[in-house]
Amino acid sequence: MSLIPRPDLSARPLQMTCECSIEAESDKVYAAWTERLDIWFAQPGTLLMVAEPGRPFFFYNRDEWGRHPHYGRFLDMKANRLIELTWITGNGEAVGTEGAETILRIELIPEGPATKVRLTHSGFIDEKSRLGHEENWPLALELLNDVLKDNANIG
């Protein structure tokens, strides 16, 4: 049993899952989520992250997406296979997770020189928040794919 406290999502069962193939090996994808979030998702210069279970993180997402703070903590990690973390967004408006502590689970499945990413985001407070993430996560993963294709030396 993990000593890392997990959010109770029993009153917030809404979730979404998306999958995509990333044209990079799983170690590169894992590094992009755990060490180099600022090359594709976080605004450079704002990322505070030590990727270890129980450790918190903070960043603002890319400025061109609107300035939204992101907070959380790592729950579970298996090198090059799994990242599970809490995910909290919100800037005082009805956007992101609206301040609710959600769980983001990123599974990495090697497929030769590529990696299948299965992203499950759980614990939304309402359907609007779930639908917003259902729309935006595939776009973020597409950006991750583009960045990793252009930067083969990451990781």
N, C-alpha and C. Protein backbone atom coordinates (compact mmCIF):
# COMPACT_ATOMS: atom_id res chain seq x y z
N MET A 1 0.84 -1.18 0.00
CA MET A 1 0.00 0.00 0.00
C MET A 1 0.88 1.24 0.00
N SER A 2 0.54 2.17 -0.85
CA SER A 2 1.33 3.39 -0.99
C SER A 2 1.08 4.33 0.18
N LEU A 3 2.13 5.00 0.62
CA LEU A 3 2.00 6.00 1.67
C LEU A 3 1.62 7.37 1.10
N ILE A 4 1.59 7.48 -0.21
CA ILE A 4 1.26 8.74 -0.86
C ILE A 4 -0.26 8.88 -0.89
N PRO A 5 -0.81 9.90 -0.26
CA PRO A 5 -2.27 10.05 -0.24
C PRO A 5 -2.82 10.32 -1.64
N ARG A 6 -3.89 9.66 -1.95
CA ARG A 6 -4.54 9.81 -3.26
C ARG A 6 -5.86 10.56 -3.07
N PRO A 7 -6.24 11.35 -4.05
CA PRO A 7 -7.53 12.03 -3.94
C PRO A 7 -8.67 11.02 -3.96
N ASP A 8 -9.72 11.34 -3.25
CA ASP A 8 -10.93 10.51 -3.25
C ASP A 8 -11.81 11.01 -4.41
N LEU A 9 -11.90 10.21 -5.45
CA LEU A 9 -12.68 10.59 -6.63
C LEU A 9 -14.07 9.96 -6.64
N SER A 10 -14.47 9.34 -5.55
CA SER A 10 -15.74 8.60 -5.53
C SER A 10 -16.94 9.50 -5.84
N ALA A 11 -16.88 10.77 -5.48
CA ALA A 11 -17.99 11.69 -5.77
C ALA A 11 -17.82 12.37 -7.12
N ARG A 12 -16.69 12.10 -7.80
CA ARG A 12 -16.42 12.71 -9.11
C ARG A 12 -15.97 11.63 -10.10
N PRO A 13 -16.91 10.81 -10.59
CA PRO A 13 -16.54 9.67 -11.43
C PRO A 13 -16.27 10.01 -12.90
N LEU A 14 -16.47 11.26 -13.31
CA LEU A 14 -16.28 11.59 -14.72
C LEU A 14 -14.81 11.48 -15.11
N GLN A 15 -14.58 10.85 -16.27
CA GLN A 15 -13.22 10.70 -16.77
C GLN A 15 -13.23 10.66 -18.29
N MET A 16 -12.04 10.76 -18.85
CA MET A 16 -11.87 10.63 -20.30
C MET A 16 -10.55 9.92 -20.57
N THR A 17 -10.51 9.23 -21.70
CA THR A 17 -9.29 8.55 -22.13
C THR A 17 -9.06 8.85 -23.60
N CYS A 18 -7.81 9.07 -23.93
CA CYS A 18 -7.44 9.20 -25.34
C CYS A 18 -6.14 8.43 -25.56
N GLU A 19 -5.95 8.01 -26.78
CA GLU A 19 -4.74 7.28 -27.15
C GLU A 19 -4.16 7.89 -28.40
N CYS A 20 -2.86 7.84 -28.48
CA CYS A 20 -2.20 8.31 -29.69
C CYS A 20 -0.84 7.67 -29.81
N SER A 21 -0.35 7.56 -31.02
CA SER A 21 0.97 7.01 -31.25
C SER A 21 1.95 8.17 -31.39
N ILE A 22 3.02 8.11 -30.61
CA ILE A 22 4.07 9.12 -30.63
C ILE A 22 5.27 8.52 -31.36
N GLU A 23 5.80 9.26 -32.31
CA GLU A 23 6.92 8.76 -33.11
C GLU A 23 8.24 8.97 -32.37
N ALA A 24 8.34 8.30 -31.22
CA ALA A 24 9.56 8.32 -30.40
C ALA A 24 9.51 7.12 -29.47
N GLU A 25 10.67 6.67 -29.05
CA GLU A 25 10.73 5.55 -28.12
C GLU A 25 10.25 5.99 -26.75
N SER A 26 9.83 5.01 -25.94
CA SER A 26 9.17 5.32 -24.67
C SER A 26 10.06 6.10 -23.70
N ASP A 27 11.39 5.92 -23.74
CA ASP A 27 12.24 6.69 -22.84
C ASP A 27 12.20 8.18 -23.16
N LYS A 28 12.05 8.52 -24.42
CA LYS A 28 11.96 9.93 -24.84
C LYS A 28 10.61 10.53 -24.39
N VAL A 29 9.54 9.75 -24.54
CA VAL A 29 8.21 10.22 -24.14
C VAL A 29 8.17 10.39 -22.62
N TYR A 30 8.72 9.42 -21.91
CA TYR A 30 8.77 9.49 -20.45
C TYR A 30 9.53 10.74 -20.00
N ALA A 31 10.67 11.00 -20.60
CA ALA A 31 11.47 12.19 -20.25
C ALA A 31 10.71 13.48 -20.56
N ALA A 32 9.94 13.49 -21.64
CA ALA A 32 9.17 14.69 -21.98
C ALA A 32 8.12 15.00 -20.93
N TRP A 33 7.59 13.99 -20.27
CA TRP A 33 6.59 14.18 -19.21
C TRP A 33 7.21 14.45 -17.85
N THR A 34 8.41 13.91 -17.59
CA THR A 34 8.97 13.95 -16.24
C THR A 34 10.15 14.90 -16.07
N GLU A 35 10.78 15.29 -17.16
CA GLU A 35 11.95 16.16 -17.07
C GLU A 35 11.86 17.38 -17.98
N ARG A 36 11.15 17.25 -19.08
CA ARG A 36 11.17 18.29 -20.12
C ARG A 36 9.79 18.77 -20.52
N LEU A 37 8.90 18.88 -19.56
CA LEU A 37 7.55 19.37 -19.84
C LEU A 37 7.60 20.76 -20.46
N ASP A 38 8.70 21.49 -20.22
CA ASP A 38 8.82 22.86 -20.72
C ASP A 38 9.22 22.93 -22.20
N ILE A 39 9.44 21.81 -22.85
CA ILE A 39 9.70 21.86 -24.30
C ILE A 39 8.42 21.71 -25.10
N TRP A 40 7.31 21.38 -24.41
CA TRP A 40 6.09 21.18 -25.19
C TRP A 40 4.82 21.63 -24.48
N PHE A 41 4.74 21.62 -23.17
CA PHE A 41 3.48 21.93 -22.49
C PHE A 41 3.62 23.14 -21.56
N ALA A 42 4.63 23.14 -20.72
CA ALA A 42 4.84 24.21 -19.75
C ALA A 42 5.53 25.41 -20.40
N GLN A 43 5.17 26.59 -19.95
CA GLN A 43 5.86 27.80 -20.40
C GLN A 43 7.31 27.73 -19.90
N PRO A 44 8.29 27.85 -20.80
CA PRO A 44 9.68 27.81 -20.36
C PRO A 44 9.93 28.82 -19.24
N GLY A 45 10.71 28.39 -18.25
CA GLY A 45 11.04 29.23 -17.13
C GLY A 45 10.07 29.15 -15.96
N THR A 46 8.97 28.40 -16.11
CA THR A 46 7.98 28.33 -15.02
C THR A 46 7.93 26.95 -14.35
N LEU A 47 8.61 25.97 -14.91
CA LEU A 47 8.49 24.59 -14.44
C LEU A 47 9.31 24.35 -13.17
N LEU A 48 8.63 23.91 -12.12
CA LEU A 48 9.27 23.47 -10.88
C LEU A 48 8.85 22.02 -10.69
N MET A 49 9.78 21.09 -10.92
CA MET A 49 9.39 19.69 -10.92
C MET A 49 10.57 18.81 -10.56
N VAL A 50 10.34 17.91 -9.63
CA VAL A 50 11.24 16.79 -9.35
C VAL A 50 10.36 15.56 -9.46
N ALA A 51 10.58 14.78 -10.49
CA ALA A 51 9.69 13.66 -10.80
C ALA A 51 10.00 12.46 -9.91
N GLU A 52 9.41 12.48 -8.72
CA GLU A 52 9.51 11.37 -7.77
C GLU A 52 8.15 11.23 -7.08
N PRO A 53 7.72 9.99 -6.84
CA PRO A 53 6.44 9.82 -6.14
C PRO A 53 6.41 10.60 -4.82
N GLY A 54 5.30 11.33 -4.65
CA GLY A 54 5.11 12.15 -3.46
C GLY A 54 5.58 13.59 -3.60
N ARG A 55 6.35 13.89 -4.65
CA ARG A 55 6.88 15.24 -4.82
C ARG A 55 5.89 16.12 -5.60
N PRO A 56 5.75 17.38 -5.18
CA PRO A 56 4.85 18.31 -5.88
C PRO A 56 5.53 18.92 -7.11
N PHE A 57 4.69 19.49 -7.98
CA PHE A 57 5.19 20.25 -9.13
C PHE A 57 4.30 21.46 -9.35
N PHE A 58 4.83 22.40 -10.13
CA PHE A 58 4.09 23.60 -10.52
C PHE A 58 4.61 24.07 -11.88
N PHE A 59 3.71 24.63 -12.68
CA PHE A 59 4.10 25.34 -13.90
C PHE A 59 2.89 26.12 -14.42
N TYR A 60 3.16 27.07 -15.29
CA TYR A 60 2.13 27.69 -16.11
C TYR A 60 2.21 27.02 -17.48
N ASN A 61 1.06 26.77 -18.10
CA ASN A 61 1.10 26.22 -19.44
C ASN A 61 1.56 27.30 -20.42
N ARG A 62 1.75 26.91 -21.64
CA ARG A 62 2.23 27.83 -22.69
C ARG A 62 1.38 29.09 -22.72
N ASP A 63 2.05 30.22 -22.83
CA ASP A 63 1.35 31.51 -22.83
C ASP A 63 0.31 31.61 -23.94
N GLU A 64 0.60 31.02 -25.10
CA GLU A 64 -0.35 31.13 -26.23
C GLU A 64 -1.65 30.37 -25.97
N TRP A 65 -1.69 29.54 -24.92
CA TRP A 65 -2.91 28.82 -24.55
C TRP A 65 -3.68 29.55 -23.46
N GLY A 66 -3.21 30.70 -23.03
CA GLY A 66 -3.79 31.40 -21.89
C GLY A 66 -3.00 31.00 -20.66
N ARG A 67 -2.82 31.90 -19.74
CA ARG A 67 -1.96 31.64 -18.58
C ARG A 67 -2.77 30.92 -17.49
N HIS A 68 -2.52 29.63 -17.33
CA HIS A 68 -3.22 28.82 -16.34
C HIS A 68 -2.21 28.09 -15.47
N PRO A 69 -2.28 28.27 -14.15
CA PRO A 69 -1.38 27.53 -13.27
C PRO A 69 -1.77 26.07 -13.21
N HIS A 70 -0.77 25.21 -13.12
CA HIS A 70 -0.96 23.77 -12.98
C HIS A 70 -0.16 23.32 -11.76
N TYR A 71 -0.82 22.56 -10.90
CA TYR A 71 -0.20 22.04 -9.70
C TYR A 71 -0.48 20.55 -9.61
N GLY A 72 0.31 19.87 -8.84
CA GLY A 72 0.02 18.47 -8.59
C GLY A 72 1.16 17.81 -7.85
N ARG A 73 1.06 16.50 -7.79
CA ARG A 73 2.10 15.71 -7.15
C ARG A 73 2.13 14.34 -7.81
N PHE A 74 3.29 13.78 -7.85
CA PHE A 74 3.45 12.47 -8.47
C PHE A 74 2.94 11.40 -7.52
N LEU A 75 2.15 10.48 -8.07
CA LEU A 75 1.59 9.38 -7.30
C LEU A 75 2.34 8.07 -7.53
N ASP A 76 2.63 7.78 -8.79
CA ASP A 76 3.28 6.51 -9.14
C ASP A 76 4.07 6.70 -10.41
N MET A 77 5.18 6.00 -10.50
CA MET A 77 6.02 6.08 -11.69
C MET A 77 6.69 4.73 -11.92
N LYS A 78 6.73 4.33 -13.17
CA LYS A 78 7.49 3.16 -13.60
C LYS A 78 8.24 3.60 -14.85
N ALA A 79 9.54 3.67 -14.75
CA ALA A 79 10.38 4.24 -15.81
C ALA A 79 9.97 3.74 -17.19
N ASN A 80 9.71 4.70 -18.06
CA ASN A 80 9.41 4.46 -19.48
C ASN A 80 8.11 3.70 -19.72
N ARG A 81 7.28 3.54 -18.65
CA ARG A 81 6.01 2.81 -18.80
C ARG A 81 4.80 3.52 -18.23
N LEU A 82 4.97 4.22 -17.09
CA LEU A 82 3.80 4.77 -16.41
C LEU A 82 4.16 6.03 -15.64
N ILE A 83 3.28 7.02 -15.73
CA ILE A 83 3.36 8.22 -14.90
C ILE A 83 1.94 8.46 -14.41
N GLU A 84 1.78 8.57 -13.10
CA GLU A 84 0.48 8.88 -12.54
C GLU A 84 0.68 10.04 -11.57
N LEU A 85 -0.15 11.07 -11.74
CA LEU A 85 0.00 12.27 -10.94
C LEU A 85 -1.33 12.93 -10.72
N THR A 86 -1.38 13.77 -9.69
CA THR A 86 -2.57 14.59 -9.54
C THR A 86 -2.40 15.79 -10.46
N TRP A 87 -3.52 16.40 -10.85
CA TRP A 87 -3.51 17.47 -11.85
C TRP A 87 -4.56 18.48 -11.42
N ILE A 88 -4.11 19.67 -11.08
CA ILE A 88 -5.01 20.74 -10.64
C ILE A 88 -4.74 21.96 -11.51
N THR A 89 -5.78 22.47 -12.14
CA THR A 89 -5.66 23.71 -12.91
C THR A 89 -6.78 24.65 -12.51
N GLY A 90 -6.55 25.89 -12.76
CA GLY A 90 -7.57 26.90 -12.50
C GLY A 90 -6.93 28.24 -12.24
N ASN A 91 -7.58 29.26 -12.69
CA ASN A 91 -7.07 30.62 -12.50
C ASN A 91 -8.16 31.55 -11.98
N GLY A 92 -9.10 30.99 -11.23
CA GLY A 92 -10.20 31.79 -10.72
C GLY A 92 -11.38 31.86 -11.67
N GLU A 93 -11.26 31.18 -12.79
CA GLU A 93 -12.35 31.12 -13.78
C GLU A 93 -12.80 29.67 -13.91
N ALA A 94 -13.90 29.47 -14.59
CA ALA A 94 -14.42 28.11 -14.80
C ALA A 94 -13.69 27.47 -15.98
N VAL A 95 -12.39 27.20 -15.80
CA VAL A 95 -11.58 26.54 -16.82
C VAL A 95 -10.76 25.43 -16.16
N GLY A 96 -10.17 24.59 -17.00
CA GLY A 96 -9.33 23.52 -16.48
C GLY A 96 -10.11 22.58 -15.59
N THR A 97 -9.50 22.20 -14.48
CA THR A 97 -10.18 21.33 -13.52
C THR A 97 -10.94 22.14 -12.48
N GLU A 98 -10.96 23.45 -12.66
CA GLU A 98 -11.64 24.39 -11.76
C GLU A 98 -11.18 24.22 -10.31
N GLY A 99 -9.89 23.89 -10.16
CA GLY A 99 -9.30 23.75 -8.84
C GLY A 99 -9.48 22.38 -8.21
N ALA A 100 -10.19 21.48 -8.89
CA ALA A 100 -10.37 20.12 -8.35
C ALA A 100 -9.11 19.30 -8.56
N GLU A 101 -8.75 18.50 -7.56
CA GLU A 101 -7.60 17.61 -7.68
C GLU A 101 -8.03 16.37 -8.45
N THR A 102 -7.57 16.28 -9.69
CA THR A 102 -7.90 15.16 -10.57
C THR A 102 -6.67 14.24 -10.64
N ILE A 103 -6.83 13.12 -11.32
CA ILE A 103 -5.71 12.20 -11.52
C ILE A 103 -5.47 12.02 -13.01
N LEU A 104 -4.21 12.16 -13.39
CA LEU A 104 -3.77 11.96 -14.76
C LEU A 104 -2.90 10.71 -14.78
N ARG A 105 -3.28 9.74 -15.61
CA ARG A 105 -2.52 8.50 -15.74
C ARG A 105 -2.04 8.40 -17.18
N ILE A 106 -0.73 8.32 -17.36
CA ILE A 106 -0.13 8.24 -18.69
C ILE A 106 0.56 6.88 -18.80
N GLU A 107 0.02 6.02 -19.64
CA GLU A 107 0.61 4.71 -19.87
C GLU A 107 1.37 4.76 -21.18
N LEU A 108 2.58 4.23 -21.18
CA LEU A 108 3.45 4.22 -22.35
C LEU A 108 3.64 2.78 -22.80
N ILE A 109 3.22 2.49 -24.03
CA ILE A 109 3.28 1.13 -24.55
C ILE A 109 4.20 1.14 -25.77
N PRO A 110 5.40 0.53 -25.66
CA PRO A 110 6.32 0.51 -26.79
C PRO A 110 5.71 -0.17 -28.00
N GLU A 111 5.94 0.43 -29.17
CA GLU A 111 5.50 -0.14 -30.45
C GLU A 111 6.64 0.03 -31.44
N GLY A 112 7.70 -0.76 -31.26
CA GLY A 112 8.89 -0.61 -32.11
C GLY A 112 9.55 0.73 -31.82
N PRO A 113 9.79 1.54 -32.86
CA PRO A 113 10.42 2.84 -32.63
C PRO A 113 9.43 3.92 -32.16
N ALA A 114 8.17 3.56 -32.02
CA ALA A 114 7.14 4.50 -31.58
C ALA A 114 6.62 4.07 -30.20
N THR A 115 5.77 4.92 -29.63
CA THR A 115 5.17 4.63 -28.32
C THR A 115 3.69 4.99 -28.37
N LYS A 116 2.86 4.03 -28.01
CA LYS A 116 1.44 4.32 -27.85
C LYS A 116 1.25 4.95 -26.48
N VAL A 117 0.60 6.10 -26.44
CA VAL A 117 0.31 6.79 -25.19
C VAL A 117 -1.18 6.64 -24.93
N ARG A 118 -1.49 6.10 -23.76
CA ARG A 118 -2.88 6.02 -23.32
C ARG A 118 -3.00 6.95 -22.12
N LEU A 119 -3.72 8.04 -22.29
CA LEU A 119 -3.87 9.05 -21.25
C LEU A 119 -5.28 8.98 -20.70
N THR A 120 -5.40 8.76 -19.40
CA THR A 120 -6.69 8.75 -18.73
C THR A 120 -6.70 9.84 -17.68
N HIS A 121 -7.69 10.71 -17.78
CA HIS A 121 -7.82 11.83 -16.84
C HIS A 121 -9.14 11.62 -16.09
N SER A 122 -9.06 11.52 -14.76
CA SER A 122 -10.21 11.15 -13.93
C SER A 122 -10.48 12.19 -12.86
N GLY A 123 -11.76 12.28 -12.46
CA GLY A 123 -12.13 13.09 -11.31
C GLY A 123 -12.67 14.47 -11.64
N PHE A 124 -13.21 14.64 -12.84
CA PHE A 124 -13.75 15.95 -13.23
C PHE A 124 -14.98 16.30 -12.40
N ILE A 125 -15.15 17.59 -12.14
CA ILE A 125 -16.28 18.03 -11.32
C ILE A 125 -17.57 18.13 -12.12
N ASP A 126 -17.44 18.28 -13.45
CA ASP A 126 -18.65 18.36 -14.27
C ASP A 126 -18.32 17.98 -15.71
N GLU A 127 -19.38 17.83 -16.49
CA GLU A 127 -19.24 17.42 -17.88
C GLU A 127 -18.49 18.46 -18.71
N LYS A 128 -18.68 19.73 -18.42
CA LYS A 128 -17.98 20.80 -19.16
C LYS A 128 -16.47 20.64 -19.03
N SER A 129 -16.00 20.40 -17.84
CA SER A 129 -14.57 20.22 -17.60
C SER A 129 -14.06 18.96 -18.31
N ARG A 130 -14.82 17.88 -18.24
CA ARG A 130 -14.43 16.65 -18.91
C ARG A 130 -14.34 16.84 -20.42
N LEU A 131 -15.36 17.48 -20.99
CA LEU A 131 -15.37 17.70 -22.44
C LEU A 131 -14.23 18.60 -22.90
N GLY A 132 -13.91 19.62 -22.09
CA GLY A 132 -12.79 20.49 -22.43
C GLY A 132 -11.47 19.73 -22.50
N HIS A 133 -11.28 18.83 -21.55
CA HIS A 133 -10.05 18.03 -21.55
C HIS A 133 -10.09 16.98 -22.65
N GLU A 134 -11.26 16.43 -22.92
CA GLU A 134 -11.39 15.46 -24.00
C GLU A 134 -11.02 16.09 -25.35
N GLU A 135 -11.30 17.37 -25.49
CA GLU A 135 -10.95 18.10 -26.71
C GLU A 135 -9.46 18.47 -26.74
N ASN A 136 -8.91 18.87 -25.58
CA ASN A 136 -7.56 19.44 -25.56
C ASN A 136 -6.43 18.43 -25.40
N TRP A 137 -6.64 17.33 -24.71
CA TRP A 137 -5.54 16.37 -24.54
C TRP A 137 -5.05 15.81 -25.87
N PRO A 138 -5.90 15.43 -26.82
CA PRO A 138 -5.37 14.96 -28.11
C PRO A 138 -4.52 16.02 -28.82
N LEU A 139 -4.91 17.29 -28.69
CA LEU A 139 -4.10 18.36 -29.29
C LEU A 139 -2.74 18.47 -28.62
N ALA A 140 -2.72 18.33 -27.29
CA ALA A 140 -1.45 18.39 -26.56
C ALA A 140 -0.55 17.22 -26.96
N LEU A 141 -1.14 16.02 -27.09
CA LEU A 141 -0.34 14.86 -27.48
C LEU A 141 0.18 14.99 -28.91
N GLU A 142 -0.59 15.61 -29.77
CA GLU A 142 -0.14 15.88 -31.14
C GLU A 142 1.07 16.82 -31.11
N LEU A 143 1.01 17.83 -30.26
CA LEU A 143 2.14 18.73 -30.11
C LEU A 143 3.36 17.98 -29.56
N LEU A 144 3.15 17.13 -28.57
CA LEU A 144 4.25 16.33 -28.04
C LEU A 144 4.89 15.51 -29.16
N ASN A 145 4.09 14.87 -29.98
CA ASN A 145 4.62 14.09 -31.10
C ASN A 145 5.46 14.97 -32.02
N ASP A 146 4.96 16.14 -32.37
CA ASP A 146 5.69 17.04 -33.27
C ASP A 146 7.02 17.47 -32.66
N VAL A 147 7.00 17.80 -31.37
CA VAL A 147 8.23 18.25 -30.70
C VAL A 147 9.25 17.11 -30.63
N LEU A 148 8.82 15.92 -30.30
CA LEU A 148 9.76 14.80 -30.21
C LEU A 148 10.30 14.40 -31.58
N LYS A 149 9.49 14.51 -32.63
CA LYS A 149 9.99 14.25 -33.99
C LYS A 149 11.09 15.22 -34.36
N ASP A 150 10.93 16.49 -33.95
CA ASP A 150 11.89 17.54 -34.30
C ASP A 150 13.10 17.58 -33.38
N ASN A 151 13.03 16.91 -32.22
CA ASN A 151 14.12 16.95 -31.24
C ASN A 151 14.48 15.53 -30.82
N ALA A 152 15.08 14.80 -31.71
CA ALA A 152 15.38 13.38 -31.47
C ALA A 152 16.35 13.17 -30.30
N ASN A 153 17.07 14.21 -29.88
CA ASN A 153 18.07 14.04 -28.83
C ASN A 153 17.53 14.24 -27.42
N ILE A 154 16.24 14.38 -27.25
CA ILE A 154 15.64 14.58 -25.92
C ILE A 154 15.65 13.26 -25.16
N GLY A 155 15.91 13.35 -23.87
CA GLY A 155 15.81 12.17 -23.03
C GLY A 155 17.12 11.69 -22.50
